[in-house]
Protein backbone atom coordinates (compact mmCIF):
# COMPACT_ATOMS: atom_id res chain seq x y z
CA MET A 1 34.35 -1.14 14.03
CA MET A 2 35.02 -1.73 10.03
CA GLU A 3 31.50 -3.91 9.74
CA GLU A 4 29.75 -1.18 11.56
CA LYS A 5 30.77 1.28 8.87
CA GLY A 6 29.80 -0.96 6.06
CA LYS A 7 26.47 -1.18 7.97
CA GLU A 8 25.82 2.30 8.43
CA ASN A 9 26.73 2.86 4.59
CA GLY A 10 24.41 0.26 3.39
CA ILE A 11 21.40 1.48 5.85
CA ALA A 12 22.11 4.98 4.06
CA ALA A 13 22.06 3.51 0.43
CA MET A 14 19.10 2.18 1.38
CA ALA A 15 17.37 4.61 2.47
CA ALA A 16 18.87 7.16 -0.30
CA CYS A 17 17.40 4.60 -3.15
CA TYR A 18 14.01 4.56 -1.33
CA GLN A 19 13.76 8.59 -1.37
CA LYS A 20 13.97 8.31 -5.24
CA PHE A 21 10.60 6.44 -5.27
CA ASP A 22 7.59 7.48 -7.33
CA PRO A 23 4.38 6.22 -5.94
CA ALA A 24 2.48 8.02 -9.22
CA ALA A 25 4.48 6.01 -11.61
CA TYR A 26 3.85 3.10 -9.04
CA LEU A 27 0.40 3.00 -8.87
CA GLN A 28 0.07 3.77 -12.43
CA TYR A 29 2.14 0.32 -13.63
CA ASN A 30 0.83 -1.59 -10.43
CA TYR A 31 -3.38 -0.82 -10.21
CA THR A 32 -4.44 0.71 -13.82
CA PRO A 33 -4.98 -1.82 -16.68
CA PRO A 34 -3.38 -4.58 -17.90
CA ARG A 35 -2.72 -5.45 -14.09
CA ALA A 36 -6.04 -4.09 -13.03
CA ASP A 37 -8.14 -4.67 -15.44
CA PHE A 38 -11.39 -5.90 -13.66
CA ALA A 39 -12.97 -7.25 -17.03
CA ARG A 40 -10.32 -9.90 -17.26
CA LYS A 41 -10.58 -12.61 -14.50
CA ASP A 42 -6.49 -13.34 -15.07
CA SER A 43 -5.90 -9.77 -14.23
CA ILE A 44 -3.77 -9.81 -10.62
CA VAL A 45 -5.38 -7.23 -8.73
CA PRO A 46 -8.94 -8.64 -8.95
CA TRP A 47 -7.38 -11.83 -8.00
CA LYS A 48 -6.11 -10.20 -4.99
CA LEU A 49 -8.95 -8.21 -3.75
CA ALA A 50 -10.98 -11.50 -3.96
CA CYS A 51 -8.53 -13.12 -1.71
CA LEU A 52 -8.28 -10.40 0.93
CA HIS A 53 -11.65 -9.77 0.88
CA ARG A 54 -12.50 -14.11 1.37
CA ALA A 55 -10.10 -13.71 4.69
CA PHE A 56 -11.26 -10.89 6.11
CA THR A 57 -14.76 -11.89 5.57
CA GLU A 58 -14.24 -15.53 6.93
CA ASP A 59 -10.87 -16.05 8.80
CA VAL A 60 -9.81 -12.61 10.26
CA SER A 61 -11.79 -9.85 12.46
CA GLY A 62 -11.04 -7.66 15.35
CA GLU A 63 -11.06 -4.27 16.81
CA LEU A 64 -7.66 -2.97 15.03
CA LEU A 65 -5.90 -3.98 11.76
CA VAL A 66 -2.28 -2.46 11.54
CA ASP A 67 -0.88 -2.88 8.43
CA ILE A 68 2.33 -2.16 8.09
CA GLY A 69 4.24 -0.87 5.37
CA SER A 70 0.96 0.32 3.54
CA GLY A 71 3.11 2.29 0.42
CA PRO A 72 0.85 4.21 -1.47
CA THR A 73 -2.17 1.67 -1.51
CA PHE A 74 -4.74 0.72 0.63
CA TYR A 75 -6.60 -1.77 -1.15
CA GLN A 76 -4.87 -4.57 1.29
CA VAL A 77 -7.52 -3.41 3.88
CA MET A 78 -10.12 -2.34 1.80
CA SER A 79 -12.25 -5.78 2.84
CA GLY A 80 -10.78 -5.28 6.13
CA CYS A 81 -12.95 -1.89 6.70
CA GLU A 82 -16.09 -4.41 6.68
CA VAL A 83 -15.07 -6.03 10.18
CA PHE A 84 -12.45 -4.16 11.88
CA ASN A 85 -13.32 -0.64 14.05
CA LYS A 86 -10.00 0.85 13.55
CA LEU A 87 -7.38 0.56 10.50
CA ILE A 88 -4.28 2.14 10.96
CA LEU A 89 -1.59 2.34 7.87
CA THR A 90 1.75 2.66 8.15
CA ASP A 91 4.72 3.47 5.99
CA PHE A 92 8.47 4.44 6.31
CA LEU A 93 8.09 6.95 3.22
CA GLU A 94 6.25 10.09 3.66
CA ILE A 95 5.81 10.61 0.02
CA ASN A 96 4.00 7.26 0.49
CA ARG A 97 2.15 8.39 3.67
CA ARG A 98 1.00 11.82 1.97
CA GLU A 99 -0.31 10.00 -1.22
CA LEU A 100 -2.64 7.91 1.63
CA ARG A 101 -3.71 11.39 3.22
CA ARG A 102 -4.28 13.19 0.20
CA TRP A 103 -7.39 10.47 -0.87
CA LEU A 104 -8.58 9.41 2.64
CA GLN A 105 -8.90 13.33 2.88
CA ASP A 106 -10.04 14.38 -0.02
CA GLU A 107 -7.23 16.78 -0.85
CA GLY A 108 -6.85 15.81 -4.23
CA GLY A 109 -4.34 15.22 -6.38
CA CYS A 110 -4.43 11.52 -5.80
CA SER A 111 -2.54 9.88 -7.92
CA LEU A 112 -5.38 6.94 -8.32
CA ASP A 113 -8.74 7.34 -7.45
CA TRP A 114 -9.58 4.00 -4.90
CA THR A 115 -13.29 4.61 -5.30
C-alpha cells in the first residue's frame, strides 16, 4: 500500500513538472540558430532533417504515420508527409498540442514558423 502511494506521488510530481513546460522557450532554444543554422554543416537540426528525410524516402512508407510524444514540433514527420497518406501527432500536454494546432491551422500566435 505504501509503495502504491509513493508511486502515485511520483506520478503527480512528474505531471506537475510537465505542466510548467514552455513550448516557446523550448522551440527558441532548439530550433533557431545556432542549433538550427542551415548555413552550417555541423548544425544539429539540418543533420536530423537529412537523416529523417533519408529514412522516409528510402526505408519507411505506408498509409498511416503516428508520432507518439510529438511535443510542440513536427520536424520529425515533415518528410513523412511525402510517403504517408495520413499523419497523426500526439502529445501528453495540451499546451504542446495547442502549439501544433496554431501552426497547422494557421491560427497565428505560433512560437515558430515551420515553413
